[in-house]
C-alpha atoms as a PDB file:
ATOM      1  CA  MET A   1      11.062   3.884  35.000  1.00  0.00           C
ATOM      2  CA  LYS A   2      14.213   5.638  35.753  1.00  0.00           C
ATOM      3  CA  TRP A   3      16.262   2.562  34.774  1.00  0.00           C
ATOM      4  CA  LEU A   4      15.144   2.917  31.054  1.00  0.00           C
ATOM      5  CA  ASP A   5      17.029   6.307  30.776  1.00  0.00           C
ATOM      6  CA  ARG A   6      20.188   4.983  32.261  1.00  0.00           C
ATOM      7  CA  GLU A   7      23.643   4.936  30.479  1.00  0.00           C
ATOM      8  CA  PRO A   8      24.662   1.296  29.380  1.00  0.00           C
ATOM      9  CA  PRO A   9      27.603   0.116  31.169  1.00  0.00           C
ATOM     10  CA  GLN A  10      31.053   0.961  29.259  1.00  0.00           C
ATOM     11  CA  LYS A  11      31.592  -2.538  28.404  1.00  0.00           C
ATOM     12  CA  GLU A  12      28.203  -2.645  26.664  1.00  0.00           C
ATOM     13  CA  LYS A  13      28.878   0.488  24.862  1.00  0.00           C
ATOM     14  CA  ASP A  14      32.341  -0.803  23.582  1.00  0.00           C
ATOM     15  CA  ALA A  15      30.778  -4.009  22.501  1.00  0.00           C
ATOM     16  CA  ALA A  16      28.125  -2.279  20.556  1.00  0.00           C
ATOM     17  CA  ARG A  17      30.515   0.152  19.045  1.00  0.00           C
ATOM     18  CA  GLU A  18      32.757  -2.869  17.928  1.00  0.00           C
ATOM     19  CA  ILE A  19      29.948  -4.383  16.353  1.00  0.00           C
ATOM     20  CA  LYS A  20      28.937  -1.309  14.294  1.00  0.00           C
ATOM     21  CA  LYS A  21      32.993  -1.028  13.260  1.00  0.00           C
ATOM     22  CA  ARG A  22      32.871  -4.547  11.973  1.00  0.00           C
ATOM     23  CA  THR A  23      29.291  -3.968  10.309  1.00  0.00           C
ATOM     24  CA  PHE A  24      30.629  -0.674   8.816  1.00  0.00           C
ATOM     25  CA  LEU A  25      33.958  -2.339   7.483  1.00  0.00           C
ATOM     26  CA  GLU A  26      32.051  -5.303   6.101  1.00  0.00           C
ATOM     27  CA  ALA A  27      29.715  -3.140   4.128  1.00  0.00           C
ATOM     28  CA  LEU A  28      32.281  -0.764   3.158  1.00  0.00           C
ATOM     29  CA  VAL A  29      34.008  -3.905   1.611  1.00  0.00           C
ATOM     30  CA  GLU A  30      30.827  -5.006  -0.294  1.00  0.00           C
ATOM     31  CA  THR A  31      29.765  -1.500  -1.510  1.00  0.00           C
ATOM     32  CA  GLY A  32      32.723   0.540  -1.645  1.00  0.00           C
ATOM     33  CA  GLN A  33      30.743   3.612  -0.531  1.00  0.00           C
ATOM     34  CA  ARG A  34      31.401   5.067   2.894  1.00  0.00           C
ATOM     35  CA  GLN A  35      27.755   6.804   3.081  1.00  0.00           C
ATOM     36  CA  GLU A  36      26.056   3.290   2.142  1.00  0.00           C
ATOM     37  CA  ALA A  37      28.388   1.483   4.581  1.00  0.00           C
ATOM     38  CA  CYS A  38      27.328   4.033   7.570  1.00  0.00           C
ATOM     39  CA  LYS A  39      23.630   3.444   6.783  1.00  0.00           C
ATOM     40  CA  LYS A  40      24.002  -0.368   7.058  1.00  0.00           C
ATOM     41  CA  ALA A  41      26.148   0.143  10.495  1.00  0.00           C
ATOM     42  CA  GLY A  42      23.501   2.570  11.401  1.00  0.00           C
ATOM     43  CA  ILE A  43      26.032   5.410  12.268  1.00  0.00           C
ATOM     44  CA  ALA A  44      26.477   8.838  11.049  1.00  0.00           C
ATOM     45  CA  ARG A  45      28.610   9.701   7.963  1.00  0.00           C
ATOM     46  CA  ASN A  46      31.511  11.283  10.137  1.00  0.00           C
ATOM     47  CA  THR A  47      31.693   8.613  12.667  1.00  0.00           C
ATOM     48  CA  PRO A  48      34.243   6.498  10.990  1.00  0.00           C
ATOM     49  CA  LEU A  49      36.385   9.497  10.925  1.00  0.00           C
ATOM     50  CA  LYS A  50      36.099  10.098  14.488  1.00  0.00           C
ATOM     51  CA  TRP A  51      36.989   6.313  15.148  1.00  0.00           C
ATOM     52  CA  ALA A  52      39.953   6.360  12.584  1.00  0.00           C
ATOM     53  CA  ARG A  53      41.514   9.402  14.480  1.00  0.00           C
ATOM     54  CA  ALA A  54      40.953   7.648  17.895  1.00  0.00           C
ATOM     55  CA  ASP A  55      41.842   3.981  16.880  1.00  0.00           C
ATOM     56  CA  GLU A  56      45.125   3.243  14.876  1.00  0.00           C
ATOM     57  CA  GLN A  57      43.934  -0.271  14.193  1.00  0.00           C
ATOM     58  CA  PHE A  58      40.522   0.705  12.961  1.00  0.00           C
ATOM     59  CA  ALA A  59      42.113   3.233  10.690  1.00  0.00           C
ATOM     60  CA  GLN A  60      44.336   0.403   9.343  1.00  0.00           C
ATOM     61  CA  GLU A  61      41.313  -1.890   9.100  1.00  0.00           C
ATOM     62  CA  TRP A  62      39.437   0.967   6.949  1.00  0.00           C
ATOM     63  CA  GLU A  63      42.496   1.325   4.721  1.00  0.00           C
ATOM     64  CA  GLU A  64      42.283  -2.304   4.131  1.00  0.00           C
ATOM     65  CA  ALA A  65      38.457  -2.351   3.604  1.00  0.00           C
ATOM     66  CA  LYS A  66      38.850   0.245   0.919  1.00  0.00           C
ATOM     67  CA  LYS A  67      41.577  -1.757  -0.738  1.00  0.00           C
ATOM     68  CA  ALA A  68      39.320  -4.752  -0.863  1.00  0.00           C
ATOM     69  CA  ALA A  69      36.323  -2.889  -2.104  1.00  0.00           C
ATOM     70  CA  ALA A  70      38.631  -1.560  -4.991  1.00  0.00           C
ATOM     71  CA  HIS A  71      39.729  -4.988  -5.821  1.00  0.00           C
ATOM     72  CA  HIS A  72      36.096  -5.940  -6.122  1.00  0.00           C
ATOM     73  CA  LEU A  73      35.521  -2.976  -8.394  1.00  0.00           C
ATOM     74  CA  GLU A  74      38.571  -3.921 -10.659  1.00  0.00           C
ATOM     75  CA  GLU A  75      37.360  -7.493 -11.020  1.00  0.00           C
ATOM     76  CA  GLU A  76      33.954  -6.237 -12.031  1.00  0.00           C
ATOM     77  CA  ALA A  77      35.591  -3.592 -14.510  1.00  0.00           C
ATOM     78  CA  HIS A  78      37.634  -6.479 -16.246  1.00  0.00           C
ATOM     79  CA  ARG A  79      34.777  -9.026 -16.145  1.00  0.00           C
ATOM     80  CA  ARG A  80      32.575  -6.085 -18.123  1.00  0.00           C
ATOM     81  CA  ALA A  81      35.554  -5.155 -20.302  1.00  0.00           C
ATOM     82  CA  VAL A  82      36.913  -8.463 -21.068  1.00  0.00           C
ATOM     83  CA  LYS A  83      34.252 -11.022 -20.878  1.00  0.00           C
ATOM     84  CA  GLY A  84      31.377  -8.849 -21.393  1.00  0.00           C
ATOM     85  CA  VAL A  85      27.892  -8.677 -20.240  1.00  0.00           C
ATOM     86  CA  GLU A  86      24.949 -10.516 -21.992  1.00  0.00           C
ATOM     87  CA  GLU A  87      22.187  -8.015 -22.969  1.00  0.00           C
ATOM     88  CA  PRO A  88      18.812  -9.376 -24.216  1.00  0.00           C
ATOM     89  CA  VAL A  89      17.862  -8.794 -28.055  1.00  0.00           C
ATOM     90  CA  PHE A  90      14.208  -8.043 -28.713  1.00  0.00           C
ATOM     91  CA  TYR A  91      12.368  -8.496 -31.935  1.00  0.00           C
ATOM     92  CA  LYS A  92       8.647  -7.280 -32.199  1.00  0.00           C
ATOM     93  CA  GLY A  93       8.588  -6.941 -28.246  1.00  0.00           C
ATOM     94  CA  GLU A  94       9.790 -10.599 -27.680  1.00  0.00           C
ATOM     95  CA  GLN A  95      13.147 -11.578 -26.684  1.00  0.00           C
ATOM     96  CA  VAL A  96      14.678 -13.452 -29.321  1.00  0.00           C
ATOM     97  CA  GLY A  97      18.340 -13.814 -28.046  1.00  0.00           C
ATOM     98  CA  THR A  98      21.186 -12.150 -26.240  1.00  0.00           C
ATOM     99  CA  VAL A  99      24.102 -10.239 -27.384  1.00  0.00           C
ATOM    100  CA  THR A 100      27.428  -9.793 -25.628  1.00  0.00           C
ATOM    101  CA  LYS A 101      28.439  -6.170 -24.986  1.00  0.00           C
ATOM    102  CA  TYR A 102      31.941  -5.104 -23.939  1.00  0.00           C
ATOM    103  CA  SER A 103      32.904  -1.933 -22.430  1.00  0.00           C
ATOM    104  CA  ASP A 104      35.848  -0.230 -24.159  1.00  0.00           C
ATOM    105  CA  THR A 105      35.902   2.655 -21.823  1.00  0.00           C
ATOM    106  CA  LEU A 106      36.582   0.139 -18.926  1.00  0.00           C
ATOM    107  CA  LEU A 107      39.379  -1.410 -20.999  1.00  0.00           C
ATOM    108  CA  ILE A 108      41.108   1.991 -21.413  1.00  0.00           C
ATOM    109  CA  PHE A 109      40.864   2.468 -17.732  1.00  0.00           C
ATOM    110  CA  LEU A 110      42.547  -0.840 -16.890  1.00  0.00           C
ATOM    111  CA  LEU A 111      45.271  -0.372 -19.298  1.00  0.00           C
ATOM    112  CA  LYS A 112      45.800   3.123 -18.062  1.00  0.00           C
ATOM    113  CA  GLY A 113      45.945   1.430 -14.549  1.00  0.00           C
ATOM    114  CA  LEU A 114      48.308  -1.300 -15.591  1.00  0.00           C
ATOM    115  CA  LYS A 115      50.646   0.512 -18.042  1.00  0.00           C
ATOM    116  CA  PRO A 116      50.405   4.136 -17.103  1.00  0.00           C
ATOM    117  CA  GLU A 117      53.725   4.801 -18.796  1.00  0.00           C
ATOM    118  CA  MET A 118      52.161   3.886 -22.127  1.00  0.00           C
ATOM    119  CA  TYR A 119      48.388   4.882 -21.811  1.00  0.00           C
ATOM    120  CA  ARG A 120      48.288   7.867 -19.434  1.00  0.00           C
ATOM    121  CA  GLU A 121      47.254  11.113 -21.096  1.00  0.00           C
ATOM    122  CA  LYS A 122      49.750  13.527 -19.426  1.00  0.00           C
ATOM    123  CA  TYR A 123      53.159  13.407 -17.781  1.00  0.00           C
ATOM    124  CA  GLU A 124      54.253  15.382 -14.781  1.00  0.00           C
ATOM    125  CA  VAL A 125      57.768  16.639 -14.608  1.00  0.00           C
ATOM    126  CA  LYS A 126      59.048  18.128 -11.677  1.00  0.00           C
ATOM    127  CA  GLN A 127      62.433  20.180 -12.346  1.00  0.00           C
ATOM    128  CA  ASP A 128      64.276  23.020 -10.541  1.00  0.00           C
ATOM    129  CA  ASN A 129      63.711  26.247 -12.166  1.00  0.00           C
ATOM    130  CA  SER A 130      67.587  26.943 -12.658  1.00  0.00           C
ATOM    131  CA  GLN A 131      67.733  24.502 -15.743  1.00  0.00           C
ATOM    132  CA  PRO A 132      64.920  24.125 -18.437  1.00  0.00           C
ATOM    133  CA  GLN A 133      64.272  20.572 -19.358  1.00  0.00           C
ATOM    134  CA  GLU A 134      62.878  19.161 -22.306  1.00  0.00           C
ATOM    135  CA  VAL A 135      60.939  16.092 -22.251  1.00  0.00           C
ATOM    136  CA  VAL A 136      60.167  13.968 -25.597  1.00  0.00           C
ATOM    137  CA  HIS A 137      58.060  10.878 -25.561  1.00  0.00           C
ATOM    138  CA  THR A 138      58.477   9.592 -29.205  1.00  0.00           C
ATOM    139  CA  HIS A 139      56.162   6.762 -28.593  1.00  0.00           C
ATOM    140  CA  GLN A 140      53.226   9.111 -28.374  1.00  0.00           C
ATOM    141  CA  LEU A 141      54.251  11.776 -30.854  1.00  0.00           C
ATOM    142  CA  ARG A 142      54.559   9.329 -33.600  1.00  0.00           C
ATOM    143  CA  ASP A 143      50.846   8.694 -32.857  1.00  0.00           C
ATOM    144  CA  LEU A 144      49.739  12.409 -33.285  1.00  0.00           C
ATOM    145  CA  SER A 145      48.124  13.720 -36.420  1.00  0.00           C
ATOM    146  CA  ASP A 146      49.933  16.360 -38.385  1.00  0.00           C
ATOM    147  CA  GLU A 147      47.425  18.998 -37.002  1.00  0.00           C
ATOM    148  CA  GLU A 148      48.128  17.771 -33.420  1.00  0.00           C
ATOM    149  CA  LEU A 149      51.973  17.962 -34.147  1.00  0.00           C
ATOM    150  CA  ARG A 150      51.804  21.632 -35.450  1.00  0.00           C
ATOM    151  CA  ALA A 151      49.694  22.758 -32.539  1.00  0.00           C
ATOM    152  CA  LEU A 152      52.380  21.024 -30.212  1.00  0.00           C
ATOM    153  CA  GLU A 153      55.065  22.729 -32.015  1.00  0.00           C
ATOM    154  CA  LYS A 154      53.332  26.165 -31.764  1.00  0.00           C
ATOM    155  CA  VAL A 155      53.201  25.501 -27.826  1.00  0.00           C
ATOM    156  CA  ALA A 156      56.799  24.558 -27.748  1.00  0.00           C
ATOM    157  CA  THR A 157      57.882  27.704 -29.699  1.00  0.00           C
ATOM    158  CA  LYS A 158      55.885  29.936 -27.377  1.00  0.00           C
ATOM    159  CA  GLY A 159      57.575  28.099 -24.575  1.00  0.00           C
ATOM    160  CA  LYS A 160      60.884  29.058 -26.082  1.00  0.00           C
ATOM    161  CA  GLN A 161      60.003  32.725 -26.638  1.00  0.00           C
ATOM    162  CA  SER A 162      59.002  32.926 -23.124  1.00  0.00           C
ATOM    163  CA  GLN A 163      62.127  31.791 -21.922  1.00  0.00           C
ATOM    164  CA  LYS A 164      64.070  34.288 -24.347  1.00  0.00           C
ATOM    165  CA  GLU A 165      61.826  37.072 -22.766  1.00  0.00           C
ATOM    166  CA  LYS A 166      62.550  36.216 -19.251  1.00  0.00           C
ATOM    167  CA  GLU A 167      66.466  36.344 -19.993  1.00  0.00           C
ATOM    168  CA  GLY A 168      66.007  39.599 -21.738  1.00  0.00           C
ATOM    169  CA  THR A 169      67.084  38.251 -25.305  1.00  0.00           C
ATOM    170  CA  ALA A 170      63.612  38.225 -27.050  1.00  0.00           C
ATOM    171  CA  GLY A 171      64.204  39.099 -30.546  1.00  0.00           C
ATOM    172  CA  ARG A 172      67.918  38.591 -30.667  1.00  0.00           C
ATOM    173  CA  ASP A 173      69.203  35.286 -32.000  1.00  0.00           C
ATOM    174  CA  TYR A 174      72.471  34.290 -30.732  1.00  0.00           C
ATOM    175  CA  HIS A 175      74.025  31.465 -33.131  1.00  0.00           C
END
């Protein structure tokens, strides 16, 4: 019974590996989750990482599969946010109809993704340290409450004081 323990020929191993790679990629597109795709392919969670390091084509296909999975998720988010989801309505334990529920949260995320300049929550400003830069986004400032504007002014004033301290001019006003 020694033949049961023998290693399969390399071609058989390669063919089996290719089948597992395809199964993994198809499951990743379907689920969007690496761990779930690994389970469906019958492989360890770190196996795709090893394959990607050794096989550039697989690495590219993996990226494409992730993009396809993201596209499916975006379509589902859009459906739930814009078209809504039918949920049953019960009265005295019996279903009497349905109501369409929409997801405002998903709608917000979709807007942030499509128009980040308008809907994102923070801005990243990169600058060289030699010249302080002031960034004002008026389209967002006008939407702030008086309390929020006062808090923002406090932060801005504190930043100017810190700059004066660094320059050694704290407490002096040179106008």
